[in-house]
Protein backbone atom coordinates (compact mmCIF):
# COMPACT_ATOMS: atom_id res chain seq x y z
CA MET A 1 178.84 222.02 143.14
CA ASN A 2 182.12 222.55 142.24
CA GLN A 3 183.72 219.80 144.42
CA THR A 4 182.20 216.49 146.18
CA PRO A 5 181.53 216.94 149.82
CA PRO A 6 183.45 214.70 151.94
CA ASP A 7 182.16 211.67 153.09
CA VAL A 8 181.33 210.60 156.53
CA GLY A 9 184.59 208.50 157.91
CA GLN A 10 186.89 211.33 155.96
CA MET A 11 188.69 214.15 157.74
CA ALA A 12 187.09 217.20 157.94
CA PRO A 13 188.73 219.66 155.70
CA ASP A 14 189.86 222.25 158.29
CA PHE A 15 189.41 226.32 158.07
CA LYS A 16 190.03 229.65 159.22
CA LEU A 17 186.69 232.04 159.22
CA LYS A 18 186.15 234.84 160.79
CA ALA A 19 183.20 234.55 163.72
CA THR A 20 180.62 237.67 164.46
CA ASP A 21 183.02 239.23 166.94
CA GLY A 22 185.55 239.42 164.14
CA GLN A 23 187.59 236.65 165.92
CA PHE A 24 189.04 233.92 163.62
CA VAL A 25 187.86 230.22 164.53
CA THR A 26 189.76 227.24 162.90
CA LEU A 27 188.04 223.99 163.02
CA SER A 28 191.37 222.43 164.39
CA GLU A 29 191.37 223.91 167.57
CA TYR A 30 187.66 221.96 168.64
CA ARG A 31 190.29 218.19 168.22
CA GLY A 32 189.90 216.72 170.99
CA LYS A 33 187.38 218.68 172.81
CA ARG A 34 184.14 218.90 171.20
CA ARG A 35 181.64 217.90 168.78
CA VAL A 36 181.58 220.41 165.74
CA VAL A 37 178.13 221.10 163.76
CA LEU A 38 178.71 223.05 160.54
CA ALA A 39 175.50 224.68 158.95
CA PHE A 40 176.29 225.36 155.81
CA TYR A 41 173.54 228.24 154.50
CA PRO A 42 173.31 230.34 151.48
CA LEU A 43 172.77 234.34 152.60
CA ALA A 44 172.91 236.45 155.29
CA PHE A 45 169.03 237.94 155.20
CA SER A 46 167.49 235.29 152.40
CA SER A 47 163.89 234.05 153.90
CA THR A 48 164.63 230.80 154.19
CA CYS A 49 168.01 231.11 156.16
CA SER A 50 166.17 233.69 158.41
CA HIS A 51 163.77 230.70 159.30
CA GLN A 52 166.39 227.75 159.17
CA LEU A 53 168.68 229.39 161.50
CA PRO A 54 166.17 229.96 164.21
CA THR A 55 165.54 226.61 164.44
CA ILE A 56 168.71 225.78 164.97
CA GLU A 57 168.88 228.68 168.10
CA ASN A 58 165.62 226.69 169.36
CA ASP A 59 167.71 223.66 169.27
CA LEU A 60 170.59 224.81 170.84
CA SER A 61 170.67 223.78 174.25
CA ARG A 62 169.92 220.45 173.41
CA LEU A 63 172.90 220.20 170.91
CA HIS A 64 175.26 221.64 173.82
CA ALA A 65 173.88 219.31 175.74
CA LEU A 66 175.11 216.53 173.12
CA ASP A 67 178.57 218.26 173.28
CA ALA A 68 178.59 219.69 170.20
CA GLU A 69 179.55 223.77 168.77
CA VAL A 70 177.53 224.71 166.45
CA PHE A 71 178.54 227.39 163.76
CA GLY A 72 177.11 228.75 160.47
CA ILE A 73 178.77 229.50 157.64
CA SER A 74 177.93 231.45 155.09
CA VAL A 75 179.88 233.57 152.45
CA ASP A 76 178.78 236.97 153.26
CA SER A 77 181.04 238.89 155.24
CA HIS A 78 181.44 238.69 159.07
CA HIS A 79 179.76 241.93 159.11
CA ALA A 80 176.40 241.19 157.23
CA ASN A 81 176.78 237.54 159.58
CA GLY A 82 176.96 240.09 162.66
CA GLU A 83 174.28 242.08 161.82
CA PHE A 84 172.07 239.26 160.64
CA ALA A 85 172.71 237.23 164.01
CA ARG A 86 171.56 240.33 166.12
CA LYS A 87 168.37 240.48 163.95
CA LEU A 88 167.22 237.23 164.59
CA ARG A 89 168.90 237.03 168.15
CA ILE A 90 171.01 234.30 167.20
CA THR A 91 173.42 233.04 169.70
CA PHE A 92 175.84 230.64 167.99
CA ALA A 93 178.74 231.68 165.86
CA LEU A 94 177.84 232.55 162.27
CA LEU A 95 181.37 232.53 160.60
CA SER A 96 182.32 234.37 156.95
CA ASP A 97 183.78 232.17 154.15
CA ILE A 98 184.55 235.46 151.93
CA LYS A 99 186.38 233.94 150.38
CA ARG A 100 184.76 230.46 149.38
CA GLU A 101 187.33 228.03 150.55
CA ALA A 102 185.56 226.09 152.96
CA SER A 103 182.35 225.76 151.17
CA ALA A 104 184.41 224.38 148.42
CA ALA A 105 186.27 222.23 150.43
CA TYR A 106 183.05 220.88 151.66
CA GLY A 107 181.63 220.37 148.07
CA MET A 108 179.14 223.03 148.96
CA LEU A 109 179.89 225.67 146.50
CA LEU A 110 177.74 226.37 143.95
CA ASP A 111 177.48 227.54 140.79
CA ALA A 112 175.87 230.55 141.95
CA GLY A 113 179.00 231.70 144.35
CA TYR A 114 176.70 231.49 146.95
CA SER A 115 177.24 227.85 149.40
CA GLY A 116 174.40 225.04 149.77
CA ARG A 117 172.43 223.93 152.96
CA ALA A 118 173.76 221.22 154.68
CA PHE A 119 174.60 219.86 158.36
CA PHE A 120 178.09 218.10 158.77
CA VAL A 121 179.22 216.59 162.27
CA VAL A 122 182.51 216.63 163.25
CA ASP A 123 183.61 214.52 166.09
CA PHE A 124 186.31 214.85 168.59
CA ASP A 125 188.78 213.26 166.17
CA GLY A 126 188.62 215.57 163.30
CA ARG A 127 186.22 212.99 161.71
CA ILE A 128 182.78 213.65 159.53
CA VAL A 129 180.69 211.44 161.28
CA TYR A 130 177.24 213.16 160.39
CA ARG A 131 176.05 214.84 157.16
CA ASP A 132 172.99 215.93 155.76
CA ILE A 133 172.87 217.94 152.30
CA ALA A 134 169.50 219.54 151.14
CA PRO A 135 168.91 218.57 147.64
CA ASN A 136 168.72 222.14 146.81
CA PRO A 137 169.19 225.89 148.92
CA GLY A 138 165.34 226.02 149.10
CA GLU A 139 165.01 222.82 151.18
CA LEU A 140 166.64 222.88 155.00
CA PRO A 141 168.16 219.48 156.70
CA SER A 142 166.63 218.14 159.37
CA ASN A 143 167.64 219.28 163.39
CA ALA A 144 165.61 216.04 164.04
CA GLU A 145 167.87 213.92 161.87
CA LEU A 146 170.59 215.96 163.22
CA LEU A 147 169.67 215.61 166.93
CA ARG A 148 169.18 211.93 166.41
CA ALA A 149 172.53 211.34 165.03
CA LEU A 150 173.96 213.25 167.82
CA GLU A 151 172.40 211.31 170.70
CA GLY A 152 173.73 208.02 168.80
CA ILE A 153 177.30 209.30 168.59
CA ALA A 154 177.20 210.08 172.44
CA LYS A 155 176.20 206.68 173.03
């Protein structure tokens, strides 16, 4: 990775990325409103990502119940992400980091030009309160640990 990922307790780097519907999402617009789960994944249509995103979708109602909005982030175009979401029946927004700025800001940009795989949770104040970075792109961060962390934060 080219950059150091932000630590728990640090302010989350802001971004403005295009979602699958063509609309822009800015992280700071959620400040004071909802927690945000950022799920970085390397590439649309890859086999591991095709497994990872549906597992998040399966836990989406629990994540929403914990007052968390979920965004997938990859370096793919919003068109590719849109098709990927349709194919997998993903209902949460997949954001296009085609300029790789968010991936770099979160320390997730790999030398190969795509992002690593990780979860970051951003609280109401815009601070990172949880992160789970997979040691390599073939491994998945844990949904169970993510849910446990959010349950602990929600108390």
